[in-house]
């Protein structure tokens, strides 16, 4: 079930909010757990069993780690191995089989076409967060399996995050306050997230999908740039919109989730970009992979190796395809050269640093979106070397058939709303943001956004969701 669906907006969410408000607070966790399982089962009922197995496995592991005095490391290793084995089987088996068969030129492993359970990467990482934090002594063992089940399966962040660490939310599960003010703040955030997704991301998706489907002969310099920039806006507004909706929904039910995006397209280095983009994933890899590997404490060569490992895993986490692997290493490469001294140069170059970061990120998104590495290389070459494809391509003669008035306006709004407007207003009018919140101007503006978003959904507007596959 999508947040941006009529079923969720008109049935699931109102029912859950009303019943939860009427219930005695002591029954809230149980009710939210039932609704979360129903939310997940709506799309694929069979895989609820997989999630329940993950919950049971990590609850039992937590009990054992909290009980024994010796052998905790072995218990943790076993639990991590079992969690990653489940993730590997469903997400990476066919990728590994296909790669081995291609490498050896014959069938080494049978490709089974295993369906990917929605959100498996997210709930697996959250489950691992619990057992690792428990092992490190950052939280107490959760003896009530229903409370742990709610943490792993809570519907606002179940499908696409943010990835919530158990140590950040354990007290909220046991005691939280649901207030009218909190609900209003959460609903406000939800509306902004919904409008990001429905009004902006869906419009950009239509353009990006058309362009990336073009053959090499039909692609032009101009259309390649339009498609890449549209996808750049699509993925930001799609994912940050979903995160806004998740954070807002959490707030409506008394939970405070950490921010997941901080205007990443304002970054002036790739290192800064990853401090602003999908913050919860970057934090997870830093806390549970990079630092345990030694971080930057064991010399330059080891730091480079650790960064490569982290970004290799980051790429793999996003998808079982070589495009994602190369995309992860691509970002790792720029992280490394910035650490080796280029980062100091960027700090002195002002606007150039932002331009550098955006070009690197944009070309990375081409690789992320392409069907294969060869497709990505072909597409990127149209962007940076159009003369290779003929005189017409080099002079960008072909008409820009992709843009109409509405999509052009949405694109301008998308670019302005991705950070520039916010940065400018905070400089020249630092108090405007607080004055705008829940003001007499913002309330009708929010109502208009909500109504327009629902109208677009009711009209059957194109409504894909990128991060479902992760």
Protein backbone atom coordinates (compact mmCIF):
# COMPACT_ATOMS: atom_id res chain seq x y z
CA UNK A 1 0.00 0.00 0.00
CA UNK A 2 1.37 3.39 -0.98
CA UNK A 3 0.98 6.50 1.18
CA UNK A 4 0.07 8.25 -2.05
CA UNK A 5 -2.91 5.99 -2.74
CA UNK A 6 -6.61 6.62 -2.29
CA UNK A 7 -6.96 3.47 -0.19
CA UNK A 8 -4.40 4.74 2.31
CA UNK A 9 -5.63 8.33 2.38
CA UNK A 10 -9.37 7.63 2.62
CA UNK A 11 -9.55 4.32 4.46
CA UNK A 12 -6.43 3.09 6.21
CA UNK A 13 -5.11 6.35 7.68
CA UNK A 14 -8.42 7.81 8.95
CA UNK A 15 -9.44 4.48 10.50
CA UNK A 16 -6.05 4.04 12.19
CA UNK A 17 -5.96 7.60 13.52
CA UNK A 18 -9.53 7.58 14.87
CA UNK A 19 -9.37 4.16 16.53
CA UNK A 20 -5.93 4.85 18.01
CA UNK A 21 -7.20 8.14 19.48
CA UNK A 22 -10.18 6.40 21.08
CA UNK A 23 -8.18 3.51 22.53
CA UNK A 24 -6.71 3.40 25.99
CA UNK A 25 -2.99 4.30 25.50
CA UNK A 26 -1.93 0.94 26.94
CA UNK A 27 -3.47 -0.78 23.89
CA UNK A 28 -1.99 1.61 21.33
CA UNK A 29 1.11 -0.46 20.58
CA UNK A 30 -0.90 -3.61 19.99
CA UNK A 31 -3.33 -1.83 17.70
CA UNK A 32 -0.58 -0.11 15.70
CA UNK A 33 1.17 -3.47 15.32
CA UNK A 34 -1.99 -5.06 13.89
CA UNK A 35 -2.46 -2.16 11.47
CA UNK A 36 1.21 -2.27 10.46
CA UNK A 37 0.97 -5.97 9.61
CA UNK A 38 -2.23 -5.30 7.67
CA UNK A 39 -0.50 -2.46 5.82
CA UNK A 40 2.33 -4.77 4.77
CA UNK A 41 0.03 -7.68 3.95
CA UNK A 42 -2.06 -5.47 1.67
CA UNK A 43 0.51 -5.80 -1.10
CA UNK A 44 1.97 -9.26 -0.51
CA UNK A 45 0.37 -11.32 2.31
CA UNK A 46 2.82 -14.24 2.07
CA UNK A 47 5.83 -12.11 2.96
CA UNK A 48 4.31 -11.06 6.27
CA UNK A 49 5.49 -14.50 7.42
CA UNK A 50 9.05 -13.54 6.46
CA UNK A 51 8.85 -10.35 8.48
CA UNK A 52 7.37 -12.23 11.44
CA UNK A 53 10.23 -14.72 11.20
CA UNK A 54 12.68 -11.80 11.29
CA UNK A 55 10.94 -10.41 14.37
CA UNK A 56 10.99 -13.78 16.16
CA UNK A 57 14.64 -14.42 15.26
CA UNK A 58 15.84 -11.06 16.56
CA UNK A 59 13.64 -11.12 19.66
CA UNK A 60 15.07 -14.52 20.66
CA UNK A 61 18.60 -13.36 19.86
CA UNK A 62 18.04 -10.29 22.01
CA UNK A 63 16.82 -12.41 24.94
CA UNK A 64 19.89 -14.64 24.71
CA UNK A 65 22.33 -11.74 24.38
CA UNK A 66 20.71 -10.04 27.36
CA UNK A 67 20.82 -13.23 29.46
CA UNK A 68 24.20 -14.88 28.90
CA UNK A 69 27.52 -13.57 30.23
CA UNK A 70 29.79 -15.42 27.82
CA UNK A 71 29.46 -16.03 24.12
CA UNK A 72 27.58 -12.82 23.30
CA UNK A 73 29.86 -12.21 20.34
CA UNK A 74 29.07 -15.63 18.87
CA UNK A 75 25.34 -15.04 19.36
CA UNK A 76 25.55 -11.67 17.64
CA UNK A 77 27.55 -13.14 14.75
CA UNK A 78 24.99 -15.92 14.29
CA UNK A 79 22.07 -13.53 14.35
CA UNK A 80 23.70 -11.13 11.87
CA UNK A 81 24.56 -14.06 9.59
CA UNK A 82 20.96 -15.36 9.63
CA UNK A 83 19.53 -11.89 8.94
CA UNK A 84 21.91 -11.28 6.05
CA UNK A 85 21.27 -14.78 4.71
CA UNK A 86 17.55 -14.06 4.46
CA UNK A 87 18.26 -10.72 2.79
CA UNK A 88 20.78 -12.36 0.47
CA UNK A 89 18.45 -15.17 -0.56
CA UNK A 90 15.54 -12.93 -1.53
CA UNK A 91 17.45 -9.93 -2.87
CA UNK A 92 20.77 -11.19 -4.22
CA UNK A 93 20.47 -14.88 -5.12
CA UNK A 94 19.33 -14.31 -8.70
CA UNK A 95 21.89 -11.52 -9.15
CA UNK A 96 24.69 -13.82 -7.98
CA UNK A 97 23.42 -16.71 -10.09
CA UNK A 98 23.14 -14.60 -13.23
CA UNK A 99 26.59 -13.08 -12.71
CA UNK A 100 28.27 -16.46 -12.18
CA UNK A 101 26.52 -18.00 -15.18
CA UNK A 102 27.65 -15.08 -17.36
CA UNK A 103 31.22 -15.28 -16.04
CA UNK A 104 31.60 -19.02 -16.72
CA UNK A 105 29.50 -19.09 -19.87
CA UNK A 106 27.26 -21.85 -18.57
CA UNK A 107 24.70 -22.48 -15.82
CA UNK A 108 26.52 -22.72 -12.50
CA UNK A 109 23.47 -21.73 -10.44
CA UNK A 110 19.85 -21.88 -11.54
CA UNK A 111 18.12 -18.50 -11.72
CA UNK A 112 14.90 -18.86 -9.71
CA UNK A 113 13.31 -15.42 -10.31
CA UNK A 114 12.65 -14.93 -6.60
CA UNK A 115 10.23 -12.07 -5.91
CA UNK A 116 11.69 -9.30 -3.78
CA UNK A 117 9.70 -8.70 -0.56
CA UNK A 118 8.85 -5.02 -0.26
CA UNK A 119 11.00 -3.14 2.25
CA UNK A 120 13.14 -6.15 3.20
CA UNK A 121 16.33 -4.05 3.27
CA UNK A 122 14.75 -1.52 5.62
CA UNK A 123 13.25 -3.90 8.18
CA UNK A 124 16.35 -6.14 8.13
CA UNK A 125 18.62 -3.19 8.92
CA UNK A 126 16.28 -2.07 11.71
CA UNK A 127 16.28 -5.56 13.23
CA UNK A 128 20.07 -5.65 13.10
CA UNK A 129 20.17 -2.24 14.78
CA UNK A 130 18.34 -3.70 17.77
CA UNK A 131 20.63 -6.67 18.39
CA UNK A 132 23.82 -4.68 17.75
CA UNK A 133 22.76 -1.82 20.04
CA UNK A 134 21.83 -4.38 22.68
CA UNK A 135 25.21 -6.10 22.35
CA UNK A 136 26.95 -2.73 22.71
CA UNK A 137 24.94 -1.88 25.82
CA UNK A 138 23.19 1.10 24.21
CA UNK A 139 19.73 -0.22 25.03
CA UNK A 140 18.01 -2.74 27.25
CA UNK A 141 16.64 -6.09 26.13
CA UNK A 142 13.05 -5.92 24.90
CA UNK A 143 11.26 -8.79 26.60
CA UNK A 144 7.87 -8.03 25.09
CA UNK A 145 7.86 -9.43 21.51
CA UNK A 146 4.95 -7.17 20.55
CA UNK A 147 6.94 -4.02 21.30
CA UNK A 148 9.89 -5.24 19.24
CA UNK A 149 7.50 -6.27 16.47
CA UNK A 150 6.07 -2.74 16.41
CA UNK A 151 9.58 -1.26 16.12
CA UNK A 152 10.45 -3.48 13.14
CA UNK A 153 7.09 -3.34 11.36
CA UNK A 154 5.71 0.16 12.17
CA UNK A 155 4.01 1.14 8.92
CA UNK A 156 5.19 4.79 8.51
CA UNK A 157 8.84 3.75 8.03
CA UNK A 158 8.41 0.09 7.08
CA UNK A 159 8.54 0.34 3.30
CA UNK A 160 11.16 3.00 2.66
CA UNK A 161 12.52 4.32 5.93
CA UNK A 162 13.93 6.36 7.39
CA UNK A 163 15.94 3.55 9.00
CA UNK A 164 15.24 4.05 12.69
CA UNK A 165 17.86 2.79 15.15
CA UNK A 166 16.40 1.00 18.13
CA UNK A 167 18.43 3.04 20.63
CA UNK A 168 16.79 6.21 19.25
CA UNK A 169 13.23 4.98 19.71
CA UNK A 170 13.16 2.39 22.51
CA UNK A 171 11.78 4.79 25.13
CA UNK A 172 9.16 6.12 22.73
CA UNK A 173 7.79 2.62 22.21
CA UNK A 174 7.32 2.19 25.96
CA UNK A 175 6.00 5.67 26.71
CA UNK A 176 5.04 8.47 24.39
CA UNK A 177 2.49 11.25 24.36
CA UNK A 178 0.04 11.80 21.54
CA UNK A 179 -1.07 15.43 21.54
CA UNK A 180 -3.24 17.63 19.37
CA UNK A 181 -0.24 19.86 18.66
CA UNK A 182 1.90 16.86 17.70
CA UNK A 183 -0.83 15.59 15.40
CA UNK A 184 -1.12 19.00 13.71
CA UNK A 185 2.66 19.23 13.19
CA UNK A 186 2.74 15.69 11.85
CA UNK A 187 -0.20 16.22 9.50
CA UNK A 188 1.46 19.39 8.17
CA UNK A 189 4.64 17.45 7.43
CA UNK A 190 2.63 14.65 5.81
CA UNK A 191 0.90 17.08 3.43
CA UNK A 192 4.21 18.54 2.30
CA UNK A 193 5.58 15.04 1.71
CA UNK A 194 2.49 13.96 -0.21
CA UNK A 195 2.63 17.03 -2.45
CA UNK A 196 6.34 16.46 -3.13
CA UNK A 197 5.54 12.97 -4.30
CA UNK A 198 2.31 13.52 -6.23
CA UNK A 199 2.73 17.02 -7.68
CA UNK A 200 6.47 17.11 -8.39
CA UNK A 201 8.03 13.63 -8.41
CA UNK A 202 5.31 11.99 -10.50
CA UNK A 203 5.52 14.75 -13.11
CA UNK A 204 9.32 14.48 -13.32
CA UNK A 205 9.02 10.69 -13.53
CA UNK A 206 6.99 10.88 -16.72
CA UNK A 207 9.71 12.88 -18.44
CA UNK A 208 12.59 10.77 -17.10
CA UNK A 209 10.92 7.50 -18.10
CA UNK A 210 10.34 8.72 -21.65
CA UNK A 211 13.93 9.85 -22.11
CA UNK A 212 15.62 6.83 -20.56
CA UNK A 213 13.53 4.60 -22.83
CA UNK A 214 14.93 6.27 -25.96
CA UNK A 215 17.40 4.39 -28.13
CA UNK A 216 20.87 5.77 -28.88
CA UNK A 217 19.64 6.93 -32.28
CA UNK A 218 16.72 8.90 -30.83
CA UNK A 219 18.51 10.41 -27.85
CA UNK A 220 19.88 13.94 -28.26
CA UNK A 221 22.14 16.18 -26.19
CA UNK A 222 19.19 18.29 -25.02
CA UNK A 223 16.85 15.38 -24.26
CA UNK A 224 19.62 13.54 -22.38
CA UNK A 225 20.16 16.53 -20.09
CA UNK A 226 16.42 17.06 -19.65
CA UNK A 227 15.94 13.39 -18.75
CA UNK A 228 18.87 13.32 -16.31
CA UNK A 229 17.82 16.55 -14.57
CA UNK A 230 14.22 15.32 -14.39
CA UNK A 231 15.33 12.07 -12.77
CA UNK A 232 17.51 14.05 -10.37
CA UNK A 233 14.42 15.93 -9.25
CA UNK A 234 12.23 12.82 -9.33
CA UNK A 235 14.36 10.73 -7.01
CA UNK A 236 14.87 13.59 -4.54
CA UNK A 237 11.19 14.52 -4.31
CA UNK A 238 10.10 10.87 -4.37
CA UNK A 239 12.31 9.76 -1.52
CA UNK A 240 12.40 12.94 0.56
CA UNK A 241 8.62 13.16 0.10
CA UNK A 242 8.20 9.65 1.42
CA UNK A 243 10.50 10.45 4.35
CA UNK A 244 8.47 13.58 5.12
CA UNK A 245 5.28 11.51 5.10
CA UNK A 246 6.88 8.89 7.36
CA UNK A 247 8.18 11.49 9.82
CA UNK A 248 4.80 13.23 9.80
CA UNK A 249 2.88 10.00 10.37
CA UNK A 250 5.22 9.08 13.20
CA UNK A 251 4.60 12.44 14.83
CA UNK A 252 0.85 11.96 14.49
CA UNK A 253 1.17 8.79 16.60
CA UNK A 254 3.61 10.26 19.11
CA UNK A 255 6.92 9.12 17.60
CA UNK A 256 9.84 11.42 16.77
CA UNK A 257 11.91 10.13 13.84
CA UNK A 258 15.19 11.78 12.91
CA UNK A 259 15.51 13.81 9.72
CA UNK A 260 16.51 11.91 6.58
CA UNK A 261 17.26 14.76 4.14
CA UNK A 262 18.75 18.24 4.54
CA UNK A 263 18.68 19.80 1.07
CA UNK A 264 21.43 17.57 -0.37
CA UNK A 265 21.61 19.46 -3.67
CA UNK A 266 23.11 22.43 -1.82
CA UNK A 267 26.20 20.33 -1.03
CA UNK A 268 29.68 21.47 -2.01
CA UNK A 269 31.33 18.05 -1.91
CA UNK A 270 30.31 14.42 -2.24
CA UNK A 271 31.22 13.94 1.40
CA UNK A 272 28.76 16.68 2.35
CA UNK A 273 26.18 15.24 -0.02
CA UNK A 274 26.15 11.98 1.95
CA UNK A 275 25.76 13.93 5.17
CA UNK A 276 22.57 15.41 3.73
CA UNK A 277 21.17 12.57 1.55
CA UNK A 278 19.41 9.52 3.10
CA UNK A 279 20.97 10.42 6.43
CA UNK A 280 19.60 7.35 8.22
CA UNK A 281 21.29 4.96 5.78
CA UNK A 282 24.60 6.82 5.97
CA UNK A 283 24.37 6.81 9.77
CA UNK A 284 23.63 3.07 9.79
CA UNK A 285 26.64 2.22 7.65
CA UNK A 286 28.88 4.55 9.67
CA UNK A 287 27.79 3.11 13.03
CA UNK A 288 27.62 -0.57 12.11
CA UNK A 289 30.17 -0.99 9.29
CA UNK A 290 32.64 1.90 8.89
CA UNK A 291 33.51 2.42 12.57
CA UNK A 292 33.75 -1.34 13.39
CA UNK A 293 36.12 -1.73 10.40
CA UNK A 294 38.35 0.89 11.97
CA UNK A 295 37.00 4.06 10.39
CA UNK A 296 39.82 6.53 9.84
CA UNK A 297 41.78 5.43 12.91
CA UNK A 298 44.15 2.95 11.23
CA UNK A 299 45.94 5.04 8.66
CA UNK A 300 45.23 6.39 5.21
CA UNK A 301 45.32 3.13 3.26
CA UNK A 302 42.93 1.44 5.68
CA UNK A 303 40.58 4.43 5.59
CA UNK A 304 40.42 4.20 1.79
CA UNK A 305 39.69 0.48 1.97
CA UNK A 306 36.98 1.04 4.60
CA UNK A 307 35.34 3.71 2.45
CA UNK A 308 35.36 1.43 -0.60
CA UNK A 309 33.76 -1.37 1.42
CA UNK A 310 31.07 0.95 2.79
CA UNK A 311 30.15 2.38 -0.61
CA UNK A 312 30.28 -1.01 -2.28
CA UNK A 313 27.73 -2.17 0.30
CA UNK A 314 25.75 1.05 -0.12
CA UNK A 315 25.46 0.36 -3.82
CA UNK A 316 24.47 -3.28 -3.26
CA UNK A 317 21.92 -2.24 -0.64
CA UNK A 318 20.13 -0.18 -3.27
CA UNK A 319 19.70 -3.02 -5.70
CA UNK A 320 20.92 -6.32 -7.11
CA UNK A 321 22.41 -5.00 -10.32
CA UNK A 322 25.93 -4.09 -11.43
CA UNK A 323 24.75 -0.54 -12.07
CA UNK A 324 24.19 -0.09 -8.34
CA UNK A 325 27.54 -1.67 -7.46
CA UNK A 326 29.37 0.71 -9.82
CA UNK A 327 27.26 3.64 -8.60
CA UNK A 328 28.32 2.92 -5.00
CA UNK A 329 32.01 2.64 -5.93
CA UNK A 330 31.69 5.79 -8.05
CA UNK A 331 30.60 7.76 -4.98
CA UNK A 332 33.28 6.06 -2.92
CA UNK A 333 35.93 7.18 -5.42
CA UNK A 334 34.97 10.84 -5.05
CA UNK A 335 34.85 10.50 -1.27
CA UNK A 336 38.42 9.20 -1.38
CA UNK A 337 39.87 11.93 -3.63
CA UNK A 338 38.22 14.56 -1.44
CA UNK A 339 39.84 13.03 1.64
CA UNK A 340 43.20 12.94 -0.13
CA UNK A 341 43.24 16.71 -0.53
CA UNK A 342 40.66 17.73 -3.13
CA UNK A 343 38.21 18.54 -0.34
CA UNK A 344 40.49 21.34 0.90
CA UNK A 345 40.57 22.84 -2.58
CA UNK A 346 36.76 22.68 -2.83
CA UNK A 347 36.39 24.72 0.36
CA UNK A 348 38.14 27.63 -1.37
CA UNK A 349 36.21 27.54 -4.64
CA UNK A 350 32.74 28.71 -3.64
CA UNK A 351 30.11 28.16 -6.33
CA UNK A 352 32.44 25.90 -8.33
CA UNK A 353 32.32 23.37 -5.49
CA UNK A 354 28.54 23.20 -5.70
CA UNK A 355 28.69 22.88 -9.49
CA UNK A 356 31.26 20.09 -9.21
CA UNK A 357 29.10 18.22 -6.69
CA UNK A 358 25.95 18.54 -8.77
CA UNK A 359 27.63 17.26 -11.94
CA UNK A 360 29.10 14.28 -10.12
CA UNK A 361 25.75 13.49 -8.49
CA UNK A 362 23.85 14.00 -11.76
CA UNK A 363 26.07 11.60 -13.72
CA UNK A 364 25.76 9.19 -10.82
CA UNK A 365 21.97 9.31 -11.11
CA UNK A 366 22.29 8.38 -14.79
CA UNK A 367 24.13 5.23 -13.71
CA UNK A 368 21.56 4.63 -10.96
CA UNK A 369 18.62 4.93 -13.36
CA UNK A 370 20.04 3.12 -16.40
CA UNK A 371 19.11 -0.49 -17.16
CA UNK A 372 22.74 -1.55 -17.57
CA UNK A 373 26.25 -0.15 -17.43
CA UNK A 374 26.39 0.01 -21.24
CA UNK A 375 23.10 1.95 -21.26
CA UNK A 376 24.51 4.37 -18.68
CA UNK A 377 27.71 4.93 -20.67
CA UNK A 378 25.75 5.51 -23.88
CA UNK A 379 23.43 7.96 -22.12
CA UNK A 380 26.23 9.84 -20.34
CA UNK A 381 28.22 10.15 -23.59
CA UNK A 382 25.25 11.96 -25.17
CA UNK A 383 25.48 14.45 -22.31
CA UNK A 384 29.22 15.10 -22.34
CA UNK A 385 30.25 14.27 -25.94
CA UNK A 386 27.24 14.88 -28.22
CA UNK A 387 29.42 15.40 -31.33
CA UNK A 388 30.08 11.66 -31.37
CA UNK A 389 26.47 11.11 -32.45
CA UNK A 390 26.31 13.44 -35.42
CA UNK A 391 25.99 17.07 -36.41
CA UNK A 392 22.34 17.39 -35.36
CA UNK A 393 23.09 16.11 -31.86
CA UNK A 394 26.05 18.40 -31.40
CA UNK A 395 24.01 21.49 -32.32
CA UNK A 396 20.93 20.38 -30.34
CA UNK A 397 18.60 21.03 -33.30
CA UNK A 398 15.85 18.59 -32.38
CA UNK A 399 12.80 20.12 -30.67
CA UNK A 400 12.36 19.60 -26.95
CA UNK A 401 9.24 17.49 -27.37
CA UNK A 402 9.43 16.30 -23.78
CA UNK A 403 8.41 19.50 -22.01
CA UNK A 404 4.97 21.08 -21.91
CA UNK A 405 3.99 24.18 -19.95
CA UNK A 406 2.93 22.25 -16.83
CA UNK A 407 6.06 20.10 -16.64
CA UNK A 408 8.29 23.14 -17.29
CA UNK A 409 6.63 25.02 -14.40
CA UNK A 410 6.90 21.98 -12.12
CA UNK A 411 10.56 21.61 -13.02
CA UNK A 412 11.30 25.23 -12.09
CA UNK A 413 9.41 24.79 -8.80
CA UNK A 414 11.35 21.57 -8.15
CA UNK A 415 14.72 23.24 -8.66
CA UNK A 416 13.80 26.22 -6.49
CA UNK A 417 12.33 24.04 -3.75
CA UNK A 418 15.34 21.71 -3.55
CA UNK A 419 17.25 24.22 -1.44
CA UNK A 420 17.96 27.54 -3.20
CA UNK A 421 14.80 29.33 -2.00
CA UNK A 422 15.22 28.04 1.54
CA UNK A 423 18.87 29.08 1.66
CA UNK A 424 18.15 32.59 0.34
CA UNK A 425 15.19 33.28 2.64
CA UNK A 426 17.11 32.13 5.71
CA UNK A 427 19.86 34.62 4.84
CA UNK A 428 17.77 37.68 4.08
CA UNK A 429 14.74 36.87 6.28
CA UNK A 430 15.98 34.53 9.05
CA UNK A 431 12.71 34.57 11.01
CA UNK A 432 10.40 33.89 8.06
CA UNK A 433 10.44 30.10 8.45
CA UNK A 434 9.05 30.21 11.98
CA UNK A 435 6.50 32.89 11.12
CA UNK A 436 5.29 30.80 8.16
CA UNK A 437 4.57 27.70 10.27
CA UNK A 438 0.82 27.25 10.80
CA UNK A 439 0.20 30.91 9.89
CA UNK A 440 -3.01 32.25 8.37
CA UNK A 441 -1.27 32.04 4.99
CA UNK A 442 0.19 28.54 5.36
CA UNK A 443 -3.03 26.83 6.47
CA UNK A 444 -4.98 27.56 3.23
CA UNK A 445 -1.78 26.81 1.28
CA UNK A 446 -1.60 23.36 2.91
CA UNK A 447 -5.29 22.79 2.20
CA UNK A 448 -4.72 23.67 -1.47
CA UNK A 449 -1.75 21.29 -1.71
CA UNK A 450 -3.77 18.46 -0.16
CA UNK A 451 -6.79 19.03 -2.41
CA UNK A 452 -4.68 19.27 -5.55
CA UNK A 453 -2.72 16.13 -4.64
CA UNK A 454 -5.95 14.18 -4.08
CA UNK A 455 -7.36 15.48 -7.36
CA UNK A 456 -4.27 14.24 -9.21
CA UNK A 457 -4.52 10.84 -7.53
CA UNK A 458 -8.25 10.60 -8.24
CA UNK A 459 -7.62 11.32 -11.91
CA UNK A 460 -5.33 8.30 -12.11
CA UNK A 461 -2.11 10.27 -12.43
CA UNK A 462 1.07 8.27 -13.07
CA UNK A 463 2.17 7.23 -9.56
CA UNK A 464 5.36 5.11 -9.47
CA UNK A 465 7.49 4.72 -6.34
CA UNK A 466 11.26 4.28 -6.78
CA UNK A 467 12.21 2.94 -3.36
CA UNK A 468 9.68 0.10 -3.32
CA UNK A 469 12.35 -2.11 -4.91
CA UNK A 470 14.83 -1.47 -2.10
